[in-house]
Every structure is written in C-alpha cells, then in structure tokens.
PDB file of N, CA and C in Angstrom:
ATOM      1  N   MET A   1      97.341  83.709  77.310  1.00  0.00           N
ATOM      2  CA  MET A   1      97.896  83.959  78.605  1.00  0.00           C
ATOM      3  C   MET A   1      98.057  85.464  78.761  1.00  0.00           C
ATOM      4  N   ARG A   2      97.674  86.000  79.922  1.00  0.00           N
ATOM      5  CA  ARG A   2      97.757  87.443  80.165  1.00  0.00           C
ATOM      6  C   ARG A   2      99.028  87.845  80.895  1.00  0.00           C
ATOM      7  N   PHE A   3      99.548  86.974  81.780  1.00  0.00           N
ATOM      8  CA  PHE A   3     100.789  87.275  82.497  1.00  0.00           C
ATOM      9  C   PHE A   3     101.320  86.012  83.154  1.00  0.00           C
ATOM     10  N   GLY A   4     102.621  86.036  83.496  1.00  0.00           N
ATOM     11  CA  GLY A   4     103.237  84.997  84.307  1.00  0.00           C
ATOM     12  C   GLY A   4     103.462  85.575  85.692  1.00  0.00           C
ATOM     13  N   TYR A   5     103.485  84.742  86.720  1.00  0.00           N
ATOM     14  CA  TYR A   5     103.559  85.231  88.097  1.00  0.00           C
ATOM     15  C   TYR A   5     104.514  84.366  88.904  1.00  0.00           C
ATOM     16  N   GLY A   6     105.396  85.001  89.662  1.00  0.00           N
ATOM     17  CA  GLY A   6     106.313  84.240  90.495  1.00  0.00           C
ATOM     18  C   GLY A   6     107.398  85.131  91.068  1.00  0.00           C
ATOM     19  N   ALA A   7     108.461  84.499  91.505  1.00  0.00           N
ATOM     20  CA  ALA A   7     109.566  85.224  92.124  1.00  0.00           C
ATOM     21  C   ALA A   7     110.889  84.746  91.552  1.00  0.00           C
ATOM     22  N   ASN A   8     111.886  85.618  91.672  1.00  0.00           N
ATOM     23  CA  ASN A   8     113.270  85.269  91.354  1.00  0.00           C
ATOM     24  C   ASN A   8     113.523  85.031  89.868  1.00  0.00           C
ATOM     25  N   ALA A   9     112.896  85.827  89.018  1.00  0.00           N
ATOM     26  CA  ALA A   9     113.210  85.742  87.590  1.00  0.00           C
ATOM     27  C   ALA A   9     114.652  86.206  87.375  1.00  0.00           C
ATOM     28  N   ASN A  10     115.366  85.515  86.531  1.00  0.00           N
ATOM     29  CA  ASN A  10     116.749  85.884  86.258  1.00  0.00           C
ATOM     30  C   ASN A  10     116.758  87.240  85.554  1.00  0.00           C
ATOM     31  N   PRO A  11     117.408  88.256  86.155  1.00  0.00           N
ATOM     32  CA  PRO A  11     117.386  89.597  85.561  1.00  0.00           C
ATOM     33  C   PRO A  11     117.845  89.655  84.112  1.00  0.00           C
ATOM     34  N   LYS A  12     118.838  88.844  83.731  1.00  0.00           N
ATOM     35  CA  LYS A  12     119.332  88.925  82.354  1.00  0.00           C
ATOM     36  C   LYS A  12     118.356  88.309  81.350  1.00  0.00           C
ATOM     37  N   ASP A  13     117.407  87.502  81.801  1.00  0.00           N
ATOM     38  CA  ASP A  13     116.447  86.860  80.903  1.00  0.00           C
ATOM     39  C   ASP A  13     115.046  87.477  80.947  1.00  0.00           C
ATOM     40  N   HIS A  14     114.781  88.304  81.943  1.00  0.00           N
ATOM     41  CA  HIS A  14     113.422  88.802  82.185  1.00  0.00           C
ATOM     42  C   HIS A  14     112.850  89.549  80.968  1.00  0.00           C
ATOM     43  N   ALA A  15     113.535  90.571  80.492  1.00  0.00           N
ATOM     44  CA  ALA A  15     113.030  91.356  79.352  1.00  0.00           C
ATOM     45  C   ALA A  15     112.924  90.502  78.087  1.00  0.00           C
ATOM     46  N   ALA A  16     113.907  89.639  77.861  1.00  0.00           N
ATOM     47  CA  ALA A  16     113.879  88.769  76.679  1.00  0.00           C
ATOM     48  C   ALA A  16     112.686  87.816  76.732  1.00  0.00           C
ATOM     49  N   PHE A  17     112.375  87.302  77.918  1.00  0.00           N
ATOM     50  CA  PHE A  17     111.217  86.417  78.090  1.00  0.00           C
ATOM     51  C   PHE A  17     109.937  87.149  77.696  1.00  0.00           C
ATOM     52  N   GLU A  18     109.763  88.371  78.229  1.00  0.00           N
ATOM     53  CA  GLU A  18     108.559  89.140  77.918  1.00  0.00           C
ATOM     54  C   GLU A  18     108.449  89.449  76.429  1.00  0.00           C
ATOM     55  N   ALA A  19     109.567  89.799  75.808  1.00  0.00           N
ATOM     56  CA  ALA A  19     109.562  90.088  74.370  1.00  0.00           C
ATOM     57  C   ALA A  19     109.220  88.843  73.560  1.00  0.00           C
ATOM     58  N   ARG A  20     109.773  87.715  73.933  1.00  0.00           N
ATOM     59  CA  ARG A  20     109.547  86.485  73.169  1.00  0.00           C
ATOM     60  C   ARG A  20     108.113  85.978  73.284  1.00  0.00           C
ATOM     61  N   PHE A  21     107.563  85.985  74.510  1.00  0.00           N
ATOM     62  CA  PHE A  21     106.254  85.379  74.714  1.00  0.00           C
ATOM     63  C   PHE A  21     105.100  86.377  74.695  1.00  0.00           C
ATOM     64  N   GLY A  22     105.408  87.671  74.743  1.00  0.00           N
ATOM     65  CA  GLY A  22     104.384  88.690  74.567  1.00  0.00           C
ATOM     66  C   GLY A  22     103.492  88.952  75.769  1.00  0.00           C
ATOM     67  N   PHE A  23     103.937  88.616  76.962  1.00  0.00           N
ATOM     68  CA  PHE A  23     103.164  88.944  78.162  1.00  0.00           C
ATOM     69  C   PHE A  23     104.121  89.251  79.313  1.00  0.00           C
ATOM     70  N   PRO A  24     103.665  90.045  80.295  1.00  0.00           N
ATOM     71  CA  PRO A  24     104.543  90.411  81.404  1.00  0.00           C
ATOM     72  C   PRO A  24     104.775  89.247  82.362  1.00  0.00           C
ATOM     73  N   LEU A  25     105.954  89.224  82.939  1.00  0.00           N
ATOM     74  CA  LEU A  25     106.317  88.260  83.977  1.00  0.00           C
ATOM     75  C   LEU A  25     106.345  89.049  85.283  1.00  0.00           C
ATOM     76  N   ILE A  26     105.310  88.911  86.086  1.00  0.00           N
ATOM     77  CA  ILE A  26     105.129  89.693  87.307  1.00  0.00           C
ATOM     78  C   ILE A  26     105.902  89.062  88.454  1.00  0.00           C
ATOM     79  N   GLU A  27     106.816  89.838  89.044  1.00  0.00           N
ATOM     80  CA  GLU A  27     107.568  89.379  90.219  1.00  0.00           C
ATOM     81  C   GLU A  27     106.749  89.681  91.472  1.00  0.00           C
ATOM     82  N   ALA A  28     106.864  88.825  92.484  1.00  0.00           N
ATOM     83  CA  ALA A  28     106.081  89.020  93.698  1.00  0.00           C
ATOM     84  C   ALA A  28     106.817  88.511  94.927  1.00  0.00           C
ATOM     85  N   TRP A  29     106.333  88.932  96.080  1.00  0.00           N
ATOM     86  CA  TRP A  29     106.813  88.463  97.369  1.00  0.00           C
ATOM     87  C   TRP A  29     105.586  88.202  98.226  1.00  0.00           C
ATOM     88  N   ALA A  30     105.608  87.127  99.001  1.00  0.00           N
ATOM     89  CA  ALA A  30     104.517  86.828  99.929  1.00  0.00           C
ATOM     90  C   ALA A  30     105.059  85.974 101.064  1.00  0.00           C
ATOM     91  N   MET A  31     104.298  85.902 102.123  1.00  0.00           N
ATOM     92  CA  MET A  31     104.655  85.043 103.258  1.00  0.00           C
ATOM     93  C   MET A  31     103.567  83.994 103.423  1.00  0.00           C
ATOM     94  N   THR A  32     103.926  82.725 103.374  1.00  0.00           N
ATOM     95  CA  THR A  32     102.931  81.674 103.570  1.00  0.00           C
ATOM     96  C   THR A  32     102.317  81.765 104.963  1.00  0.00           C
ATOM     97  N   GLU A  33     103.058  82.289 105.920  1.00  0.00           N
ATOM     98  CA  GLU A  33     102.561  82.400 107.290  1.00  0.00           C
ATOM     99  C   GLU A  33     101.381  83.351 107.422  1.00  0.00           C
ATOM    100  N   THR A  34     101.181  84.229 106.441  1.00  0.00           N
ATOM    101  CA  THR A  34     100.089  85.202 106.524  1.00  0.00           C
ATOM    102  C   THR A  34      98.855  84.773 105.744  1.00  0.00           C
ATOM    103  N   GLY A  35      98.902  83.642 105.085  1.00  0.00           N
ATOM    104  CA  GLY A  35      97.747  83.203 104.305  1.00  0.00           C
ATOM    105  C   GLY A  35      97.388  84.166 103.187  1.00  0.00           C
ATOM    106  N   GLY A  36      98.385  84.850 102.626  1.00  0.00           N
ATOM    107  CA  GLY A  36      98.144  85.815 101.561  1.00  0.00           C
ATOM    108  C   GLY A  36      97.863  87.217 102.077  1.00  0.00           C
ATOM    109  N   GLY A  37      97.875  87.405 103.407  1.00  0.00           N
ATOM    110  CA  GLY A  37      97.638  88.725 103.980  1.00  0.00           C
ATOM    111  C   GLY A  37      98.776  89.689 103.708  1.00  0.00           C
ATOM    112  N   ALA A  38      99.971  89.158 103.483  1.00  0.00           N
ATOM    113  CA  ALA A  38     101.132  89.992 103.170  1.00  0.00           C
ATOM    114  C   ALA A  38     101.634  89.581 101.793  1.00  0.00           C
ATOM    115  N   LEU A  39     101.235  90.333 100.789  1.00  0.00           N
ATOM    116  CA  LEU A  39     101.590  90.038  99.403  1.00  0.00           C
ATOM    117  C   LEU A  39     101.955  91.338  98.715  1.00  0.00           C
ATOM    118  N   ILE A  40     103.087  91.340  98.047  1.00  0.00           N
ATOM    119  CA  ILE A  40     103.518  92.491  97.261  1.00  0.00           C
ATOM    120  C   ILE A  40     103.865  91.981  95.873  1.00  0.00           C
ATOM    121  N   ALA A  41     103.348  92.636  94.839  1.00  0.00           N
ATOM    122  CA  ALA A  41     103.637  92.210  93.475  1.00  0.00           C
ATOM    123  C   ALA A  41     103.927  93.425  92.597  1.00  0.00           C
ATOM    124  N   ALA A  42     104.877  93.278  91.706  1.00  0.00           N
ATOM    125  CA  ALA A  42     105.232  94.348  90.760  1.00  0.00           C
ATOM    126  C   ALA A  42     104.297  94.281  89.567  1.00  0.00           C
ATOM    127  N   SER A  43     103.021  94.559  89.817  1.00  0.00           N
ATOM    128  CA  SER A  43     102.017  94.447  88.753  1.00  0.00           C
ATOM    129  C   SER A  43     101.614  95.799  88.179  1.00  0.00           C
ATOM    130  N   ARG A  44     102.145  96.884  88.724  1.00  0.00           N
ATOM    131  CA  ARG A  44     101.848  98.230  88.227  1.00  0.00           C
ATOM    132  C   ARG A  44     103.141  98.882  87.756  1.00  0.00           C
ATOM    133  N   GLU A  45     103.018  99.785  86.799  1.00  0.00           N
ATOM    134  CA  GLU A  45     104.193 100.514  86.308  1.00  0.00           C
ATOM    135  C   GLU A  45     104.634 101.543  87.335  1.00  0.00           C
ATOM    136  N   PRO A  46     105.889 101.818  87.454  1.00  0.00           N
ATOM    137  CA  PRO A  46     106.986 101.186  86.719  1.00  0.00           C
ATOM    138  C   PRO A  46     107.353  99.847  87.353  1.00  0.00           C
ATOM    139  N   ARG A  47     107.490  98.805  86.539  1.00  0.00           N
ATOM    140  CA  ARG A  47     107.762  97.457  87.033  1.00  0.00           C
ATOM    141  C   ARG A  47     109.248  97.188  87.208  1.00  0.00           C
ATOM    142  N   HIS A  48     110.136  97.950  86.601  1.00  0.00           N
ATOM    143  CA  HIS A  48     111.588  97.785  86.721  1.00  0.00           C
ATOM    144  C   HIS A  48     112.035  96.377  86.297  1.00  0.00           C
ATOM    145  N   VAL A  49     111.667  95.998  85.099  1.00  0.00           N
ATOM    146  CA  VAL A  49     112.008  94.679  84.539  1.00  0.00           C
ATOM    147  C   VAL A  49     113.520  94.460  84.593  1.00  0.00           C
ATOM    148  N   GLY A  50     113.912  93.272  85.031  1.00  0.00           N
ATOM    149  CA  GLY A  50     115.320  92.902  85.069  1.00  0.00           C
ATOM    150  C   GLY A  50     116.054  93.344  86.326  1.00  0.00           C
ATOM    151  N   THR A  51     115.329  93.795  87.334  1.00  0.00           N
ATOM    152  CA  THR A  51     115.975  94.264  88.567  1.00  0.00           C
ATOM    153  C   THR A  51     115.573  93.469  89.800  1.00  0.00           C
ATOM    154  N   ARG A  52     114.741  92.451  89.629  1.00  0.00           N
ATOM    155  CA  ARG A  52     114.180  91.677  90.742  1.00  0.00           C
ATOM    156  C   ARG A  52     113.357  92.544  91.677  1.00  0.00           C
ATOM    157  N   CYS A  53     112.780  93.605  91.132  1.00  0.00           N
ATOM    158  CA  CYS A  53     111.911  94.493  91.901  1.00  0.00           C
ATOM    159  C   CYS A  53     110.600  93.762  92.187  1.00  0.00           C
ATOM    160  N   ILE A  54     110.157  93.781  93.439  1.00  0.00           N
ATOM    161  CA  ILE A  54     108.908  93.105  93.785  1.00  0.00           C
ATOM    162  C   ILE A  54     107.746  94.070  93.934  1.00  0.00           C
ATOM    163  N   GLY A  55     107.962  95.339  93.651  1.00  0.00           N
ATOM    164  CA  GLY A  55     106.868  96.294  93.691  1.00  0.00           C
ATOM    165  C   GLY A  55     106.750  97.019  95.012  1.00  0.00           C
ATOM    166  N   LYS A  56     105.641  97.750  95.153  1.00  0.00           N
ATOM    167  CA  LYS A  56     105.370  98.561  96.336  1.00  0.00           C
ATOM    168  C   LYS A  56     104.197  97.953  97.082  1.00  0.00           C
ATOM    169  N   GLU A  57     104.240  98.035  98.391  1.00  0.00           N
ATOM    170  CA  GLU A  57     103.159  97.461  99.184  1.00  0.00           C
ATOM    171  C   GLU A  57     101.829  98.140  98.858  1.00  0.00           C
ATOM    172  N   PRO A  58     100.737  97.365  98.842  1.00  0.00           N
ATOM    173  CA  PRO A  58      99.422  97.932  98.544  1.00  0.00           C
ATOM    174  C   PRO A  58      98.879  98.704  99.751  1.00  0.00           C
ATOM    175  N   PRO A  59      97.856  99.534  99.542  1.00  0.00           N
ATOM    176  CA  PRO A  59      97.241 100.235 100.678  1.00  0.00           C
ATOM    177  C   PRO A  59      96.774  99.228 101.729  1.00  0.00           C
ATOM    178  N   GLY A  60      96.999  99.556 102.994  1.00  0.00           N
ATOM    179  CA  GLY A  60      96.570  98.678 104.086  1.00  0.00           C
ATOM    180  C   GLY A  60      97.622  97.702 104.560  1.00  0.00           C
ATOM    181  N   LEU A  61      98.733  97.579 103.828  1.00  0.00           N
ATOM    182  CA  LEU A  61      99.814  96.692 104.239  1.00  0.00           C
ATOM    183  C   LEU A  61     100.998  97.540 104.662  1.00  0.00           C
ATOM    184  N   GLU A  62     101.436  97.383 105.887  1.00  0.00           N
ATOM    185  CA  GLU A  62     102.572  98.132 106.410  1.00  0.00           C
ATOM    186  C   GLU A  62     103.782  97.213 106.457  1.00  0.00           C
ATOM    187  N   VAL A  63     104.893  97.666 105.904  1.00  0.00           N
ATOM    188  CA  VAL A  63     106.104  96.858 105.829  1.00  0.00           C
ATOM    189  C   VAL A  63     107.245  97.596 106.510  1.00  0.00           C
ATOM    190  N   LEU A  64     108.027  96.882 107.302  1.00  0.00           N
ATOM    191  CA  LEU A  64     109.195  97.444 107.957  1.00  0.00           C
ATOM    192  C   LEU A  64     110.366  96.498 107.742  1.00  0.00           C
ATOM    193  N   ILE A  65     111.463  97.017 107.221  1.00  0.00           N
ATOM    194  CA  ILE A  65     112.694  96.243 107.092  1.00  0.00           C
ATOM    195  C   ILE A  65     113.698  96.896 108.022  1.00  0.00           C
ATOM    196  N   ASP A  66     114.152  96.165 109.037  1.00  0.00           N
ATOM    197  CA  ASP A  66     115.033  96.772 110.029  1.00  0.00           C
ATOM    198  C   ASP A  66     116.487  96.770 109.585  1.00  0.00           C
ATOM    199  N   GLU A  67     117.369  97.221 110.470  1.00  0.00           N
ATOM    200  CA  GLU A  67     118.779  97.425 110.137  1.00  0.00           C
ATOM    201  C   GLU A  67     119.507  96.172 109.674  1.00  0.00           C
ATOM    202  N   ILE A  68     119.091  95.006 110.117  1.00  0.00           N
ATOM    203  CA  ILE A  68     119.791  93.777 109.710  1.00  0.00           C
ATOM    204  C   ILE A  68     118.933  92.925 108.772  1.00  0.00           C
ATOM    205  N   TRP A  69     118.017  93.593 108.043  1.00  0.00           N
ATOM    206  CA  TRP A  69     117.214  92.975 106.991  1.00  0.00           C
ATOM    207  C   TRP A  69     116.189  91.969 107.487  1.00  0.00           C
ATOM    208  N   ASN A  70     115.742  92.112 108.717  1.00  0.00           N
ATOM    209  CA  ASN A  70     114.587  91.341 109.153  1.00  0.00           C
ATOM    210  C   ASN A  70     113.358  92.089 108.671  1.00  0.00           C
ATOM    211  N   CYS A  71     112.392  91.383 108.188  1.00  0.00           N
ATOM    212  CA  CYS A  71     111.213  92.009 107.606  1.00  0.00           C
ATOM    213  C   CYS A  71     109.994  91.674 108.456  1.00  0.00           C
ATOM    214  N   SER A  72     109.166  92.658 108.727  1.00  0.00           N
ATOM    215  CA  SER A  72     107.902  92.398 109.403  1.00  0.00           C
ATOM    216  C   SER A  72     106.801  93.103 108.636  1.00  0.00           C
ATOM    217  N   CYS A  73     105.597  92.554 108.694  1.00  0.00           N
ATOM    218  CA  CYS A  73     104.476  93.102 107.958  1.00  0.00           C
ATOM    219  C   CYS A  73     103.275  93.198 108.877  1.00  0.00           C
ATOM    220  N   ALA A  74     102.440  94.189 108.666  1.00  0.00           N
ATOM    221  CA  ALA A  74     101.181  94.321 109.394  1.00  0.00           C
ATOM    222  C   ALA A  74     100.068  94.442 108.362  1.00  0.00           C
ATOM    223  N   SER A  75      99.030  93.646 108.524  1.00  0.00           N
ATOM    224  CA  SER A  75      97.923  93.611 107.588  1.00  0.00           C
ATOM    225  C   SER A  75      96.627  93.898 108.337  1.00  0.00           C
ATOM    226  N   PRO A  76      95.632  94.512 107.675  1.00  0.00           N
ATOM    227  CA  PRO A  76      94.345  94.740 108.344  1.00  0.00           C
ATOM    228  C   PRO A  76      93.589  93.440 108.603  1.00  0.00           C
ATOM    229  N   ALA A  77      93.954  92.365 107.908  1.00  0.00           N
ATOM    230  CA  ALA A  77      93.294  91.068 108.107  1.00  0.00           C
ATOM    231  C   ALA A  77      94.001  90.299 109.216  1.00  0.00           C
ATOM    232  N   PRO A  78      93.277  89.447 109.955  1.00  0.00           N
ATOM    233  CA  PRO A  78      93.960  88.626 110.970  1.00  0.00           C
ATOM    234  C   PRO A  78      95.020  87.753 110.307  1.00  0.00           C
ATOM    235  N   ILE A  79      96.175  87.679 110.930  1.00  0.00           N
ATOM    236  CA  ILE A  79      97.276  86.875 110.404  1.00  0.00           C
ATOM    237  C   ILE A  79      97.440  85.673 111.309  1.00  0.00           C
ATOM    238  N   ARG A  80      97.422  84.491 110.738  1.00  0.00           N
ATOM    239  CA  ARG A  80      97.592  83.282 111.534  1.00  0.00           C
ATOM    240  C   ARG A  80      98.991  82.722 111.299  1.00  0.00           C
ATOM    241  N   GLY A  81      99.643  82.378 112.393  1.00  0.00           N
ATOM    242  CA  GLY A  81     100.963  81.779 112.301  1.00  0.00           C
ATOM    243  C   GLY A  81     100.839  80.273 112.257  1.00  0.00           C
ATOM    244  N   ALA A  82     101.887  79.595 112.672  1.00  0.00           N
ATOM    245  CA  ALA A  82     101.905  78.129 112.638  1.00  0.00           C
ATOM    246  C   ALA A  82     100.944  77.542 113.663  1.00  0.00           C
ATOM    247  N   GLY A  83     100.649  78.283 114.742  1.00  0.00           N
ATOM    248  CA  GLY A  83      99.714  77.800 115.769  1.00  0.00           C
ATOM    249  C   GLY A  83      98.280  78.062 115.377  1.00  0.00           C
ATOM    250  N   SER A  84      97.354  77.862 116.313  1.00  0.00           N
ATOM    251  CA  SER A  84      95.944  78.023 115.993  1.00  0.00           C
ATOM    252  C   SER A  84      95.397  79.397 116.362  1.00  0.00           C
ATOM    253  N   SER A  85      96.160  80.214 117.075  1.00  0.00           N
ATOM    254  CA  SER A  85      95.652  81.531 117.454  1.00  0.00           C
ATOM    255  C   SER A  85      96.200  82.606 116.526  1.00  0.00           C
ATOM    256  N   PRO A  86      95.414  83.678 116.289  1.00  0.00           N
ATOM    257  CA  PRO A  86      95.915  84.739 115.404  1.00  0.00           C
ATOM    258  C   PRO A  86      97.178  85.384 115.962  1.00  0.00           C
ATOM    259  N   ALA A  87      98.091  85.698 115.089  1.00  0.00           N
ATOM    260  CA  ALA A  87      99.295  86.399 115.485  1.00  0.00           C
ATOM    261  C   ALA A  87      98.972  87.877 115.662  1.00  0.00           C
ATOM    262  N   THR A  88      99.756  88.577 116.429  1.00  0.00           N
ATOM    263  CA  THR A  88      99.507  90.009 116.626  1.00  0.00           C
ATOM    264  C   THR A  88     100.640  90.819 116.037  1.00  0.00           C
TER     265      THR A  88
END
C-alpha cells in the first residue's frame, strides 16, 4: 500500500497511524456536486499531520471562503449540480 486517503482523521492518532503502518494518510476535501472538479488533498509537503489540514488548492481551482464560512469553488471544468444543466 502506498497511501491511505480520506477525510477527518483523528488528529491524536494520525501520526501514530502513519508510524505503525508505514504509509501516509492523505487528508482531502471534495464536493460530490462537482463530480471531482473541486478536490483538495494534502498530498504534498508540508502535510501538517495531526492538524486536519486538507492542503492547498491545485492550479486552476479557485476557492473562496466568505465571512460566515460558506465555501464556493470555481473550476476550469464544467460543474454539474443536481439538475441536468451545468452550474455557473
């Protein structure tokens, strides 16, 4: 196994898990509504193990978190919402 992938690893167990099993546990964030168009993963150093850090947005993905913690993302790929037409 080269790495584990997911979200919400318990910070107090994260480093111990990696030490015990010998591979990184990559934290990530994504929106199912974007079909993978909005994905951020802590797969590059510094990963900040044990802090629930999800990493930095990749080139081409614009992220905005407003004053009350609403998050919006813009991707170069068409983003489809719950309906059949692309979201803007």
